[in-house]
Amino acid sequence: QVQLVESGGGLVQAGDSLRLSCTDSGRTLRNYAVGWFRQAPGKEREFVGAISRIGISTYADSVKGRFTISRANSENTAYLEMSSLKPEDTAVYYCAAKFARPMEQSTKREEYDYWGQGTQVTVSS
């Protein structure tokens, strides 16, 4: 059973960096693609990026070049490294897991089977 826990959120200033972690306490994350999504107040949850089981990643245009997703399967953890943060990056960030073939990942939230509880990221101007 996948149980995802995000951590690393907080309050930062524009231009700062932050790293979020997503750990699977069920210790099966190696079998899943991982997606990162975010939801700002009053807005729909949107795709940020995703990484396949073997490390192939894709990103939303709004974060491309600033955010990097990685994973450490031996640690059952995925990471979202965020740099050059902007106030519009303020949101609750969620990680999600999708049972997948090694090269597969998805930008669609409805394709993900398991979700973490979210962690707040606030970027002040």
PDB file of N, CA and C in Angstrom:
ATOM      1  N   GLN A   1       0.842  -1.190   0.000  1.00  0.00           N
ATOM      2  CA  GLN A   1       0.000   0.000   0.000  1.00  0.00           C
ATOM      3  C   GLN A   1       0.880   1.244   0.000  1.00  0.00           C
ATOM      4  N   VAL A   2       0.643   2.133  -0.929  1.00  0.00           N
ATOM      5  CA  VAL A   2       1.408   3.378  -1.005  1.00  0.00           C
ATOM      6  C   VAL A   2       0.837   4.391  -0.029  1.00  0.00           C
ATOM      7  N   GLN A   3       1.693   4.962   0.774  1.00  0.00           N
ATOM      8  CA  GLN A   3       1.295   6.031   1.691  1.00  0.00           C
ATOM      9  C   GLN A   3       2.299   7.153   1.541  1.00  0.00           C
ATOM     10  N   LEU A   4       1.856   8.243   0.961  1.00  0.00           N
ATOM     11  CA  LEU A   4       2.743   9.342   0.610  1.00  0.00           C
ATOM     12  C   LEU A   4       2.687  10.454   1.648  1.00  0.00           C
ATOM     13  N   VAL A   5       3.855  10.947   2.001  1.00  0.00           N
ATOM     14  CA  VAL A   5       3.951  12.064   2.932  1.00  0.00           C
ATOM     15  C   VAL A   5       4.887  13.096   2.332  1.00  0.00           C
ATOM     16  N   GLU A   6       4.363  14.318   2.135  1.00  0.00           N
ATOM     17  CA  GLU A   6       5.193  15.409   1.640  1.00  0.00           C
ATOM     18  C   GLU A   6       5.788  16.178   2.811  1.00  0.00           C
ATOM     19  N   SER A   7       6.937  16.768   2.571  1.00  0.00           N
ATOM     20  CA  SER A   7       7.551  17.637   3.571  1.00  0.00           C
ATOM     21  C   SER A   7       8.420  18.655   2.860  1.00  0.00           C
ATOM     22  N   GLY A   8       8.808  19.692   3.595  1.00  0.00           N
ATOM     23  CA  GLY A   8       9.739  20.674   3.056  1.00  0.00           C
ATOM     24  C   GLY A   8       9.131  22.005   2.679  1.00  0.00           C
ATOM     25  N   GLY A   9       7.831  22.131   2.806  1.00  0.00           N
ATOM     26  CA  GLY A   9       7.201  23.398   2.476  1.00  0.00           C
ATOM     27  C   GLY A   9       7.547  24.481   3.482  1.00  0.00           C
ATOM     28  N   GLY A  10       7.186  25.719   3.147  1.00  0.00           N
ATOM     29  CA  GLY A  10       7.449  26.811   4.066  1.00  0.00           C
ATOM     30  C   GLY A  10       7.246  28.163   3.412  1.00  0.00           C
ATOM     31  N   LEU A  11       7.675  29.176   4.125  1.00  0.00           N
ATOM     32  CA  LEU A  11       7.582  30.564   3.660  1.00  0.00           C
ATOM     33  C   LEU A  11       8.957  31.024   3.200  1.00  0.00           C
ATOM     34  N   VAL A  12       9.045  31.447   1.950  1.00  0.00           N
ATOM     35  CA  VAL A  12      10.308  31.920   1.404  1.00  0.00           C
ATOM     36  C   VAL A  12      10.064  33.232   0.663  1.00  0.00           C
ATOM     37  N   GLN A  13      11.151  33.878   0.294  1.00  0.00           N
ATOM     38  CA  GLN A  13      11.055  35.114  -0.473  1.00  0.00           C
ATOM     39  C   GLN A  13      11.237  34.820  -1.962  1.00  0.00           C
ATOM     40  N   ALA A  14      10.737  35.714  -2.781  1.00  0.00           N
ATOM     41  CA  ALA A  14      10.902  35.582  -4.221  1.00  0.00           C
ATOM     42  C   ALA A  14      12.386  35.446  -4.557  1.00  0.00           C
ATOM     43  N   GLY A  15      12.687  34.513  -5.443  1.00  0.00           N
ATOM     44  CA  GLY A  15      14.066  34.259  -5.830  1.00  0.00           C
ATOM     45  C   GLY A  15      14.738  33.151  -5.044  1.00  0.00           C
ATOM     46  N   ASP A  16      14.137  32.764  -3.937  1.00  0.00           N
ATOM     47  CA  ASP A  16      14.707  31.709  -3.099  1.00  0.00           C
ATOM     48  C   ASP A  16      14.486  30.337  -3.715  1.00  0.00           C
ATOM     49  N   SER A  17      15.099  29.347  -3.088  1.00  0.00           N
ATOM     50  CA  SER A  17      14.930  27.955  -3.481  1.00  0.00           C
ATOM     51  C   SER A  17      14.342  27.154  -2.333  1.00  0.00           C
ATOM     52  N   LEU A  18      13.734  26.025  -2.693  1.00  0.00           N
ATOM     53  CA  LEU A  18      13.114  25.154  -1.690  1.00  0.00           C
ATOM     54  C   LEU A  18      13.085  23.753  -2.266  1.00  0.00           C
ATOM     55  N   ARG A  19      13.246  22.752  -1.410  1.00  0.00           N
ATOM     56  CA  ARG A  19      13.152  21.374  -1.859  1.00  0.00           C
ATOM     57  C   ARG A  19      12.048  20.660  -1.099  1.00  0.00           C
ATOM     58  N   LEU A  20      11.122  20.099  -1.845  1.00  0.00           N
ATOM     59  CA  LEU A  20      10.063  19.292  -1.262  1.00  0.00           C
ATOM     60  C   LEU A  20      10.425  17.814  -1.394  1.00  0.00           C
ATOM     61  N   SER A  21      10.015  17.037  -0.408  1.00  0.00           N
ATOM     62  CA  SER A  21      10.221  15.593  -0.432  1.00  0.00           C
ATOM     63  C   SER A  21       8.880  14.889  -0.396  1.00  0.00           C
ATOM     64  N   CYS A  22       8.848  13.736  -1.010  1.00  0.00           N
ATOM     65  CA  CYS A  22       7.654  12.890  -1.019  1.00  0.00           C
ATOM     66  C   CYS A  22       8.125  11.482  -0.706  1.00  0.00           C
ATOM     67  N   THR A  23       7.775  10.999   0.469  1.00  0.00           N
ATOM     68  CA  THR A  23       8.247   9.694   0.927  1.00  0.00           C
ATOM     69  C   THR A  23       7.081   8.722   1.038  1.00  0.00           C
ATOM     70  N   ASP A  24       7.321   7.514   0.569  1.00  0.00           N
ATOM     71  CA  ASP A  24       6.322   6.458   0.646  1.00  0.00           C
ATOM     72  C   ASP A  24       6.636   5.558   1.825  1.00  0.00           C
ATOM     73  N   SER A  25       5.812   5.631   2.855  1.00  0.00           N
ATOM     74  CA  SER A  25       6.059   4.791   4.037  1.00  0.00           C
ATOM     75  C   SER A  25       5.750   3.324   3.756  1.00  0.00           C
ATOM     76  N   GLY A  26       5.045   3.051   2.647  1.00  0.00           N
ATOM     77  CA  GLY A  26       4.773   1.669   2.276  1.00  0.00           C
ATOM     78  C   GLY A  26       5.937   1.016   1.559  1.00  0.00           C
ATOM     79  N   ARG A  27       6.967   1.822   1.225  1.00  0.00           N
ATOM     80  CA  ARG A  27       8.214   1.330   0.672  1.00  0.00           C
ATOM     81  C   ARG A  27       8.040   0.599  -0.665  1.00  0.00           C
ATOM     82  N   THR A  28       7.115   1.090  -1.489  1.00  0.00           N
ATOM     83  CA  THR A  28       6.915   0.487  -2.808  1.00  0.00           C
ATOM     84  C   THR A  28       7.012   1.515  -3.928  1.00  0.00           C
ATOM     85  N   LEU A  29       7.526   2.696  -3.630  1.00  0.00           N
ATOM     86  CA  LEU A  29       7.483   3.793  -4.594  1.00  0.00           C
ATOM     87  C   LEU A  29       8.224   3.470  -5.881  1.00  0.00           C
ATOM     88  N   ARG A  30       9.174   2.548  -5.829  1.00  0.00           N
ATOM     89  CA  ARG A  30       9.954   2.192  -7.018  1.00  0.00           C
ATOM     90  C   ARG A  30       9.064   1.641  -8.140  1.00  0.00           C
ATOM     91  N   ASN A  31       7.879   1.174  -7.805  1.00  0.00           N
ATOM     92  CA  ASN A  31       6.965   0.615  -8.799  1.00  0.00           C
ATOM     93  C   ASN A  31       6.026   1.646  -9.404  1.00  0.00           C
ATOM     94  N   TYR A  32       6.195   2.914  -9.020  1.00  0.00           N
ATOM     95  CA  TYR A  32       5.250   3.949  -9.394  1.00  0.00           C
ATOM     96  C   TYR A  32       5.926   5.143 -10.034  1.00  0.00           C
ATOM     97  N   ALA A  33       5.249   5.723 -11.001  1.00  0.00           N
ATOM     98  CA  ALA A  33       5.610   7.058 -11.456  1.00  0.00           C
ATOM     99  C   ALA A  33       5.111   8.056 -10.412  1.00  0.00           C
ATOM    100  N   VAL A  34       5.807   9.160 -10.286  1.00  0.00           N
ATOM    101  CA  VAL A  34       5.443  10.180  -9.294  1.00  0.00           C
ATOM    102  C   VAL A  34       5.143  11.492  -9.992  1.00  0.00           C
ATOM    103  N   GLY A  35       4.038  12.068  -9.618  1.00  0.00           N
ATOM    104  CA  GLY A  35       3.678  13.383 -10.145  1.00  0.00           C
ATOM    105  C   GLY A  35       3.625  14.404  -9.032  1.00  0.00           C
ATOM    106  N   TRP A  36       3.916  15.642  -9.385  1.00  0.00           N
ATOM    107  CA  TRP A  36       3.760  16.760  -8.456  1.00  0.00           C
ATOM    108  C   TRP A  36       2.696  17.700  -9.024  1.00  0.00           C
ATOM    109  N   PHE A  37       1.793  18.103  -8.169  1.00  0.00           N
ATOM    110  CA  PHE A  37       0.713  19.015  -8.528  1.00  0.00           C
ATOM    111  C   PHE A  37       0.657  20.124  -7.486  1.00  0.00           C
ATOM    112  N   ARG A  38      -0.030  21.194  -7.821  1.00  0.00           N
ATOM    113  CA  ARG A  38      -0.195  22.272  -6.846  1.00  0.00           C
ATOM    114  C   ARG A  38      -1.572  22.888  -6.999  1.00  0.00           C
ATOM    115  N   GLN A  39      -2.038  23.454  -5.896  1.00  0.00           N
ATOM    116  CA  GLN A  39      -3.355  24.087  -5.900  1.00  0.00           C
ATOM    117  C   GLN A  39      -3.286  25.376  -5.119  1.00  0.00           C
ATOM    118  N   ALA A  40      -3.528  26.468  -5.811  1.00  0.00           N
ATOM    119  CA  ALA A  40      -3.584  27.779  -5.188  1.00  0.00           C
ATOM    120  C   ALA A  40      -5.021  28.062  -4.766  1.00  0.00           C
ATOM    121  N   PRO A  41      -5.217  28.955  -3.803  1.00  0.00           N
ATOM    122  CA  PRO A  41      -6.584  29.264  -3.343  1.00  0.00           C
ATOM    123  C   PRO A  41      -7.481  29.696  -4.498  1.00  0.00           C
ATOM    124  N   GLY A  42      -8.651  29.069  -4.581  1.00  0.00           N
ATOM    125  CA  GLY A  42      -9.611  29.441  -5.603  1.00  0.00           C
ATOM    126  C   GLY A  42      -9.310  28.915  -6.991  1.00  0.00           C
ATOM    127  N   LYS A  43      -8.275  28.095  -7.102  1.00  0.00           N
ATOM    128  CA  LYS A  43      -7.890  27.576  -8.414  1.00  0.00           C
ATOM    129  C   LYS A  43      -7.932  26.054  -8.431  1.00  0.00           C
ATOM    130  N   GLU A  44      -7.955  25.505  -9.646  1.00  0.00           N
ATOM    131  CA  GLU A  44      -7.925  24.057  -9.793  1.00  0.00           C
ATOM    132  C   GLU A  44      -6.514  23.531  -9.494  1.00  0.00           C
ATOM    133  N   ARG A  45      -6.469  22.266  -9.114  1.00  0.00           N
ATOM    134  CA  ARG A  45      -5.172  21.625  -8.923  1.00  0.00           C
ATOM    135  C   ARG A  45      -4.523  21.456 -10.288  1.00  0.00           C
ATOM    136  N   GLU A  46      -3.270  21.882 -10.392  1.00  0.00           N
ATOM    137  CA  GLU A  46      -2.607  21.856 -11.692  1.00  0.00           C
ATOM    138  C   GLU A  46      -1.332  21.037 -11.655  1.00  0.00           C
ATOM    139  N   PHE A  47      -0.985  20.517 -12.809  1.00  0.00           N
ATOM    140  CA  PHE A  47       0.212  19.707 -12.970  1.00  0.00           C
ATOM    141  C   PHE A  47       1.457  20.586 -12.868  1.00  0.00           C
ATOM    142  N   VAL A  48       2.452  20.078 -12.142  1.00  0.00           N
ATOM    143  CA  VAL A  48       3.745  20.760 -12.030  1.00  0.00           C
ATOM    144  C   VAL A  48       4.816  19.977 -12.791  1.00  0.00           C
ATOM    145  N   GLY A  49       4.910  18.697 -12.501  1.00  0.00           N
ATOM    146  CA  GLY A  49       5.900  17.853 -13.144  1.00  0.00           C
ATOM    147  C   GLY A  49       5.703  16.414 -12.754  1.00  0.00           C
ATOM    148  N   ALA A  50       6.400  15.522 -13.451  1.00  0.00           N
ATOM    149  CA  ALA A  50       6.288  14.096 -13.161  1.00  0.00           C
ATOM    150  C   ALA A  50       7.589  13.404 -13.517  1.00  0.00           C
ATOM    151  N   ILE A  51       7.795  12.257 -12.896  1.00  0.00           N
ATOM    152  CA  ILE A  51       8.993  11.478 -13.165  1.00  0.00           C
ATOM    153  C   ILE A  51       8.619  10.009 -13.245  1.00  0.00           C
ATOM    154  N   SER A  52       9.173   9.332 -14.237  1.00  0.00           N
ATOM    155  CA  SER A  52       8.888   7.911 -14.398  1.00  0.00           C
ATOM    156  C   SER A  52       9.706   7.090 -13.411  1.00  0.00           C
ATOM    157  N   ARG A  53       9.469   5.797 -13.416  1.00  0.00           N
ATOM    158  CA  ARG A  53      10.205   4.907 -12.522  1.00  0.00           C
ATOM    159  C   ARG A  53      11.698   4.949 -12.780  1.00  0.00           C
ATOM    160  N   ILE A  54      12.084   5.201 -14.032  1.00  0.00           N
ATOM    161  CA  ILE A  54      13.515   5.197 -14.362  1.00  0.00           C
ATOM    162  C   ILE A  54      14.071   6.604 -14.520  1.00  0.00           C
ATOM    163  N   GLY A  55      13.323   7.594 -14.071  1.00  0.00           N
ATOM    164  CA  GLY A  55      13.877   8.938 -13.992  1.00  0.00           C
ATOM    165  C   GLY A  55      13.624   9.861 -15.165  1.00  0.00           C
ATOM    166  N   ILE A  56      12.737   9.493 -16.071  1.00  0.00           N
ATOM    167  CA  ILE A  56      12.378  10.396 -17.168  1.00  0.00           C
ATOM    168  C   ILE A  56      11.373  11.409 -16.630  1.00  0.00           C
ATOM    169  N   SER A  57      11.669  12.693 -16.807  1.00  0.00           N
ATOM    170  CA  SER A  57      10.822  13.721 -16.207  1.00  0.00           C
ATOM    171  C   SER A  57      10.203  14.630 -17.263  1.00  0.00           C
ATOM    172  N   THR A  58       9.116  15.235 -16.887  1.00  0.00           N
ATOM    173  CA  THR A  58       8.435  16.220 -17.726  1.00  0.00           C
ATOM    174  C   THR A  58       7.888  17.312 -16.818  1.00  0.00           C
ATOM    175  N   TYR A  59       7.736  18.525 -17.367  1.00  0.00           N
ATOM    176  CA  TYR A  59       7.372  19.673 -16.549  1.00  0.00           C
ATOM    177  C   TYR A  59       6.321  20.536 -17.235  1.00  0.00           C
ATOM    178  N   ALA A  60       5.557  21.218 -16.415  1.00  0.00           N
ATOM    179  CA  ALA A  60       4.672  22.253 -16.925  1.00  0.00           C
ATOM    180  C   ALA A  60       5.520  23.422 -17.431  1.00  0.00           C
ATOM    181  N   ASP A  61       5.029  24.099 -18.438  1.00  0.00           N
ATOM    182  CA  ASP A  61       5.777  25.221 -19.008  1.00  0.00           C
ATOM    183  C   ASP A  61       6.072  26.300 -17.961  1.00  0.00           C
ATOM    184  N   SER A  62       5.166  26.470 -17.019  1.00  0.00           N
ATOM    185  CA  SER A  62       5.312  27.535 -16.027  1.00  0.00           C
ATOM    186  C   SER A  62       6.478  27.328 -15.073  1.00  0.00           C
ATOM    187  N   VAL A  63       6.975  26.083 -14.995  1.00  0.00           N
ATOM    188  CA  VAL A  63       8.070  25.800 -14.056  1.00  0.00           C
ATOM    189  C   VAL A  63       9.317  25.282 -14.755  1.00  0.00           C
ATOM    190  N   LYS A  64       9.231  25.054 -16.039  1.00  0.00           N
ATOM    191  CA  LYS A  64      10.352  24.492 -16.778  1.00  0.00           C
ATOM    192  C   LYS A  64      11.576  25.392 -16.652  1.00  0.00           C
ATOM    193  N   GLY A  65      12.695  24.784 -16.333  1.00  0.00           N
ATOM    194  CA  GLY A  65      13.930  25.547 -16.156  1.00  0.00           C
ATOM    195  C   GLY A  65      14.142  26.040 -14.733  1.00  0.00           C
ATOM    196  N   ARG A  66      13.099  25.994 -13.916  1.00  0.00           N
ATOM    197  CA  ARG A  66      13.216  26.441 -12.523  1.00  0.00           C
ATOM    198  C   ARG A  66      13.054  25.283 -11.542  1.00  0.00           C
ATOM    199  N   PHE A  67      12.233  24.313 -11.900  1.00  0.00           N
ATOM    200  CA  PHE A  67      11.950  23.184 -11.012  1.00  0.00           C
ATOM    201  C   PHE A  67      12.593  21.919 -11.577  1.00  0.00           C
ATOM    202  N   THR A  68      13.045  21.050 -10.686  1.00  0.00           N
ATOM    203  CA  THR A  68      13.631  19.777 -11.081  1.00  0.00           C
ATOM    204  C   THR A  68      13.084  18.668 -10.189  1.00  0.00           C
ATOM    205  N   ILE A  69      12.636  17.608 -10.824  1.00  0.00           N
ATOM    206  CA  ILE A  69      12.147  16.450 -10.089  1.00  0.00           C
ATOM    207  C   ILE A  69      13.196  15.348 -10.155  1.00  0.00           C
ATOM    208  N   SER A  70      13.400  14.700  -9.038  1.00  0.00           N
ATOM    209  CA  SER A  70      14.308  13.552  -8.986  1.00  0.00           C
ATOM    210  C   SER A  70      13.707  12.517  -8.063  1.00  0.00           C
ATOM    211  N   ARG A  71      14.341  11.355  -8.028  1.00  0.00           N
ATOM    212  CA  ARG A  71      13.859  10.317  -7.131  1.00  0.00           C
ATOM    213  C   ARG A  71      15.017   9.458  -6.671  1.00  0.00           C
ATOM    214  N   ALA A  72      14.849   8.922  -5.488  1.00  0.00           N
ATOM    215  CA  ALA A  72      15.814   7.980  -4.918  1.00  0.00           C
ATOM    216  C   ALA A  72      15.014   6.744  -4.535  1.00  0.00           C
ATOM    217  N   ASN A  73      14.971   5.772  -5.449  1.00  0.00           N
ATOM    218  CA  ASN A  73      14.122   4.601  -5.203  1.00  0.00           C
ATOM    219  C   ASN A  73      14.555   3.821  -3.966  1.00  0.00           C
ATOM    220  N   SER A  74      15.853   3.820  -3.714  1.00  0.00           N
ATOM    221  CA  SER A  74      16.330   3.093  -2.530  1.00  0.00           C
ATOM    222  C   SER A  74      15.824   3.717  -1.242  1.00  0.00           C
ATOM    223  N   GLU A  75      15.465   5.001  -1.315  1.00  0.00           N
ATOM    224  CA  GLU A  75      14.958   5.714  -0.142  1.00  0.00           C
ATOM    225  C   GLU A  75      13.444   5.887  -0.202  1.00  0.00           C
ATOM    226  N   ASN A  76      12.805   5.327  -1.248  1.00  0.00           N
ATOM    227  CA  ASN A  76      11.354   5.462  -1.408  1.00  0.00           C
ATOM    228  C   ASN A  76      10.921   6.923  -1.374  1.00  0.00           C
ATOM    229  N   THR A  77      11.717   7.776  -1.989  1.00  0.00           N
ATOM    230  CA  THR A  77      11.475   9.206  -1.921  1.00  0.00           C
ATOM    231  C   THR A  77      11.631   9.861  -3.289  1.00  0.00           C
ATOM    232  N   ALA A  78      10.768  10.815  -3.560  1.00  0.00           N
ATOM    233  CA  ALA A  78      10.896  11.682  -4.728  1.00  0.00           C
ATOM    234  C   ALA A  78      11.049  13.117  -4.235  1.00  0.00           C
ATOM    235  N   TYR A  79      11.691  13.924  -5.068  1.00  0.00           N
ATOM    236  CA  TYR A  79      11.988  15.295  -4.669  1.00  0.00           C
ATOM    237  C   TYR A  79      11.505  16.285  -5.734  1.00  0.00           C
ATOM    238  N   LEU A  80      11.141  17.462  -5.270  1.00  0.00           N
ATOM    239  CA  LEU A  80      10.843  18.569  -6.163  1.00  0.00           C
ATOM    240  C   LEU A  80      11.725  19.731  -5.722  1.00  0.00           C
ATOM    241  N   GLU A  81      12.756  19.996  -6.529  1.00  0.00           N
ATOM    242  CA  GLU A  81      13.661  21.101  -6.251  1.00  0.00           C
ATOM    243  C   GLU A  81      13.128  22.332  -6.975  1.00  0.00           C
ATOM    244  N   MET A  82      12.872  23.390  -6.218  1.00  0.00           N
ATOM    245  CA  MET A  82      12.297  24.607  -6.784  1.00  0.00           C
ATOM    246  C   MET A  82      13.285  25.752  -6.602  1.00  0.00           C
ATOM    247  N   SER A  83      13.586  26.435  -7.671  1.00  0.00           N
ATOM    248  CA  SER A  83      14.486  27.581  -7.589  1.00  0.00           C
ATOM    249  C   SER A  83      13.842  28.783  -8.279  1.00  0.00           C
ATOM    250  N   SER A  84      14.425  29.942  -8.056  1.00  0.00           N
ATOM    251  CA  SER A  84      13.893  31.196  -8.625  1.00  0.00           C
ATOM    252  C   SER A  84      12.388  31.302  -8.375  1.00  0.00           C
ATOM    253  N   LEU A  85      12.008  31.037  -7.151  1.00  0.00           N
ATOM    254  CA  LEU A  85      10.582  31.008  -6.813  1.00  0.00           C
ATOM    255  C   LEU A  85       9.939  32.376  -6.994  1.00  0.00           C
ATOM    256  N   LYS A  86       8.677  32.345  -7.411  1.00  0.00           N
ATOM    257  CA  LYS A  86       7.906  33.561  -7.663  1.00  0.00           C
ATOM    258  C   LYS A  86       6.659  33.539  -6.774  1.00  0.00           C
ATOM    259  N   PRO A  87       6.094  34.693  -6.483  1.00  0.00           N
ATOM    260  CA  PRO A  87       4.853  34.713  -5.684  1.00  0.00           C
ATOM    261  C   PRO A  87       3.757  33.851  -6.297  1.00  0.00           C
ATOM    262  N   GLU A  88       3.711  33.740  -7.606  1.00  0.00           N
ATOM    263  CA  GLU A  88       2.674  32.927  -8.245  1.00  0.00           C
ATOM    264  C   GLU A  88       2.899  31.431  -8.079  1.00  0.00           C
ATOM    265  N   ASP A  89       4.025  31.044  -7.500  1.00  0.00           N
ATOM    266  CA  ASP A  89       4.254  29.639  -7.163  1.00  0.00           C
ATOM    267  C   ASP A  89       3.599  29.270  -5.835  1.00  0.00           C
ATOM    268  N   THR A  90       3.059  30.236  -5.134  1.00  0.00           N
ATOM    269  CA  THR A  90       2.399  29.981  -3.859  1.00  0.00           C
ATOM    270  C   THR A  90       1.219  29.044  -4.047  1.00  0.00           C
ATOM    271  N   ALA A  91       1.217  27.948  -3.293  1.00  0.00           N
ATOM    272  CA  ALA A  91       0.172  26.934  -3.425  1.00  0.00           C
ATOM    273  C   ALA A  91       0.427  25.824  -2.413  1.00  0.00           C
ATOM    274  N   VAL A  92      -0.547  24.947  -2.289  1.00  0.00           N
ATOM    275  CA  VAL A  92      -0.323  23.667  -1.611  1.00  0.00           C
ATOM    276  C   VAL A  92       0.192  22.698  -2.671  1.00  0.00           C
ATOM    277  N   TYR A  93       1.308  22.076  -2.368  1.00  0.00           N
ATOM    278  CA  TYR A  93       1.937  21.153  -3.310  1.00  0.00           C
ATOM    279  C   TYR A  93       1.656  19.714  -2.880  1.00  0.00           C
ATOM    280  N   TYR A  94       1.248  18.923  -3.848  1.00  0.00           N
ATOM    281  CA  TYR A  94       0.912  17.528  -3.608  1.00  0.00           C
ATOM    282  C   TYR A  94       1.788  16.614  -4.459  1.00  0.00           C
ATOM    283  N   CYS A  95       2.203  15.490  -3.887  1.00  0.00           N
ATOM    284  CA  CYS A  95       2.778  14.455  -4.720  1.00  0.00           C
ATOM    285  C   CYS A  95       1.744  13.342  -4.882  1.00  0.00           C
ATOM    286  N   ALA A  96       1.893  12.614  -5.968  1.00  0.00           N
ATOM    287  CA  ALA A  96       0.955  11.542  -6.275  1.00  0.00           C
ATOM    288  C   ALA A  96       1.711  10.403  -6.941  1.00  0.00           C
ATOM    289  N   ALA A  97       1.174   9.198  -6.820  1.00  0.00           N
ATOM    290  CA  ALA A  97       1.829   8.016  -7.385  1.00  0.00           C
ATOM    291  C   ALA A  97       0.881   7.285  -8.319  1.00  0.00           C
ATOM    292  N   LYS A  98       1.460   6.814  -9.417  1.00  0.00           N
ATOM    293  CA  LYS A  98       0.706   6.081 -10.430  1.00  0.00           C
ATOM    294  C   LYS A  98       1.459   4.803 -10.745  1.00  0.00           C
ATOM    295  N   PHE A  99       0.769   3.671 -10.563  1.00  0.00           N
ATOM    296  CA  PHE A  99       1.393   2.404 -10.925  1.00  0.00           C
ATOM    297  C   PHE A  99       1.684   2.447 -12.420  1.00  0.00           C
ATOM    298  N   ALA A 100       2.945   2.184 -12.801  1.00  0.00           N
ATOM    299  CA  ALA A 100       3.317   2.479 -14.179  1.00  0.00           C
ATOM    300  C   ALA A 100       4.401   1.551 -14.694  1.00  0.00           C
ATOM    301  N   ARG A 101       4.505   1.495 -16.006  1.00  0.00           N
ATOM    302  CA  ARG A 101       5.642   0.838 -16.656  1.00  0.00           C
ATOM    303  C   ARG A 101       6.878   1.709 -16.456  1.00  0.00           C
ATOM    304  N   PRO A 102       8.069   1.160 -16.635  1.00  0.00           N
ATOM    305  CA  PRO A 102       9.283   1.909 -16.269  1.00  0.00           C
ATOM    306  C   PRO A 102       9.422   3.300 -16.894  1.00  0.00           C
ATOM    307  N   MET A 103       9.010   3.468 -18.164  1.00  0.00           N
ATOM    308  CA  MET A 103       9.227   4.757 -18.821  1.00  0.00           C
ATOM    309  C   MET A 103       8.011   5.680 -18.752  1.00  0.00           C
ATOM    310  N   GLU A 104       6.957   5.206 -18.152  1.00  0.00           N
ATOM    311  CA  GLU A 104       5.685   5.915 -18.191  1.00  0.00           C
ATOM    312  C   GLU A 104       5.562   6.975 -17.103  1.00  0.00           C
ATOM    313  N   GLN A 105       4.963   8.121 -17.459  1.00  0.00           N
ATOM    314  CA  GLN A 105       4.540   9.088 -16.454  1.00  0.00           C
ATOM    315  C   GLN A 105       3.349   9.822 -17.052  1.00  0.00           C
ATOM    316  N   SER A 106       2.699  10.648 -16.273  1.00  0.00           N
ATOM    317  CA  SER A 106       1.479  11.277 -16.738  1.00  0.00           C
ATOM    318  C   SER A 106       1.364  12.693 -16.214  1.00  0.00           C
ATOM    319  N   THR A 107       0.750  13.546 -17.025  1.00  0.00           N
ATOM    320  CA  THR A 107       0.455  14.916 -16.610  1.00  0.00           C
ATOM    321  C   THR A 107      -0.969  15.046 -16.081  1.00  0.00           C
ATOM    322  N   LYS A 108      -1.746  13.954 -16.116  1.00  0.00           N
ATOM    323  CA  LYS A 108      -3.182  14.017 -15.792  1.00  0.00           C
ATOM    324  C   LYS A 108      -3.437  13.553 -14.375  1.00  0.00           C
ATOM    325  N   ARG A 109      -4.019  14.426 -13.574  1.00  0.00           N
ATOM    326  CA  ARG A 109      -4.211  14.084 -12.166  1.00  0.00           C
ATOM    327  C   ARG A 109      -5.151  12.898 -11.989  1.00  0.00           C
ATOM    328  N   GLU A 110      -6.086  12.691 -12.897  1.00  0.00           N
ATOM    329  CA  GLU A 110      -7.041  11.584 -12.742  1.00  0.00           C
ATOM    330  C   GLU A 110      -6.381  10.226 -12.943  1.00  0.00           C
ATOM    331  N   GLU A 111      -5.162  10.210 -13.455  1.00  0.00           N
ATOM    332  CA  GLU A 111      -4.479   8.940 -13.675  1.00  0.00           C
ATOM    333  C   GLU A 111      -3.660   8.492 -12.457  1.00  0.00           C
ATOM    334  N   TYR A 112      -3.590   9.337 -11.462  1.00  0.00           N
ATOM    335  CA  TYR A 112      -2.807   8.991 -10.281  1.00  0.00           C
ATOM    336  C   TYR A 112      -3.681   8.314  -9.238  1.00  0.00           C
ATOM    337  N   ASP A 113      -3.116   7.283  -8.621  1.00  0.00           N
ATOM    338  CA  ASP A 113      -3.880   6.429  -7.713  1.00  0.00           C
ATOM    339  C   ASP A 113      -3.775   6.838  -6.252  1.00  0.00           C
ATOM    340  N   TYR A 114      -2.662   7.404  -5.879  1.00  0.00           N
ATOM    341  CA  TYR A 114      -2.413   7.725  -4.472  1.00  0.00           C
ATOM    342  C   TYR A 114      -1.911   9.168  -4.375  1.00  0.00           C
ATOM    343  N   TRP A 115      -2.331   9.827  -3.287  1.00  0.00           N
ATOM    344  CA  TRP A 115      -1.989  11.234  -3.086  1.00  0.00           C
ATOM    345  C   TRP A 115      -1.491  11.456  -1.663  1.00  0.00           C
ATOM    346  N   GLY A 116      -0.562  12.391  -1.531  1.00  0.00           N
ATOM    347  CA  GLY A 116      -0.164  12.828  -0.209  1.00  0.00           C
ATOM    348  C   GLY A 116      -1.119  13.889   0.303  1.00  0.00           C
ATOM    349  N   GLN A 117      -0.848  14.365   1.512  1.00  0.00           N
ATOM    350  CA  GLN A 117      -1.745  15.326   2.165  1.00  0.00           C
ATOM    351  C   GLN A 117      -1.470  16.766   1.754  1.00  0.00           C
ATOM    352  N   GLY A 118      -0.324  16.987   1.118  1.00  0.00           N
ATOM    353  CA  GLY A 118       0.014  18.329   0.652  1.00  0.00           C
ATOM    354  C   GLY A 118       0.896  19.076   1.631  1.00  0.00           C
ATOM    355  N   THR A 119       1.682  19.992   1.093  1.00  0.00           N
ATOM    356  CA  THR A 119       2.518  20.855   1.922  1.00  0.00           C
ATOM    357  C   THR A 119       2.459  22.267   1.350  1.00  0.00           C
ATOM    358  N   GLN A 120       2.326  23.240   2.233  1.00  0.00           N
ATOM    359  CA  GLN A 120       2.137  24.627   1.814  1.00  0.00           C
ATOM    360  C   GLN A 120       3.471  25.273   1.447  1.00  0.00           C
ATOM    361  N   VAL A 121       3.481  25.920   0.301  1.00  0.00           N
ATOM    362  CA  VAL A 121       4.613  26.749  -0.116  1.00  0.00           C
ATOM    363  C   VAL A 121       4.097  28.159  -0.323  1.00  0.00           C
ATOM    364  N   THR A 122       4.684  29.100   0.374  1.00  0.00           N
ATOM    365  CA  THR A 122       4.296  30.494   0.260  1.00  0.00           C
ATOM    366  C   THR A 122       5.519  31.310  -0.136  1.00  0.00           C
ATOM    367  N   VAL A 123       5.394  32.060  -1.223  1.00  0.00           N
ATOM    368  CA  VAL A 123       6.492  32.875  -1.717  1.00  0.00           C
ATOM    369  C   VAL A 123       6.091  34.340  -1.603  1.00  0.00           C
ATOM    370  N   SER A 124       6.827  35.069  -0.786  1.00  0.00           N
ATOM    371  CA  SER A 124       6.517  36.483  -0.596  1.00  0.00           C
ATOM    372  C   SER A 124       7.313  37.328  -1.587  1.00  0.00           C
ATOM    373  N   SER A 125       6.734  38.455  -1.948  1.00  0.00           N
ATOM    374  CA  SER A 125       7.397  39.336  -2.934  1.00  0.00           C
ATOM    375  C   SER A 125       8.326  40.322  -2.250  1.00  0.00           C
TER     376      SER A 125
END
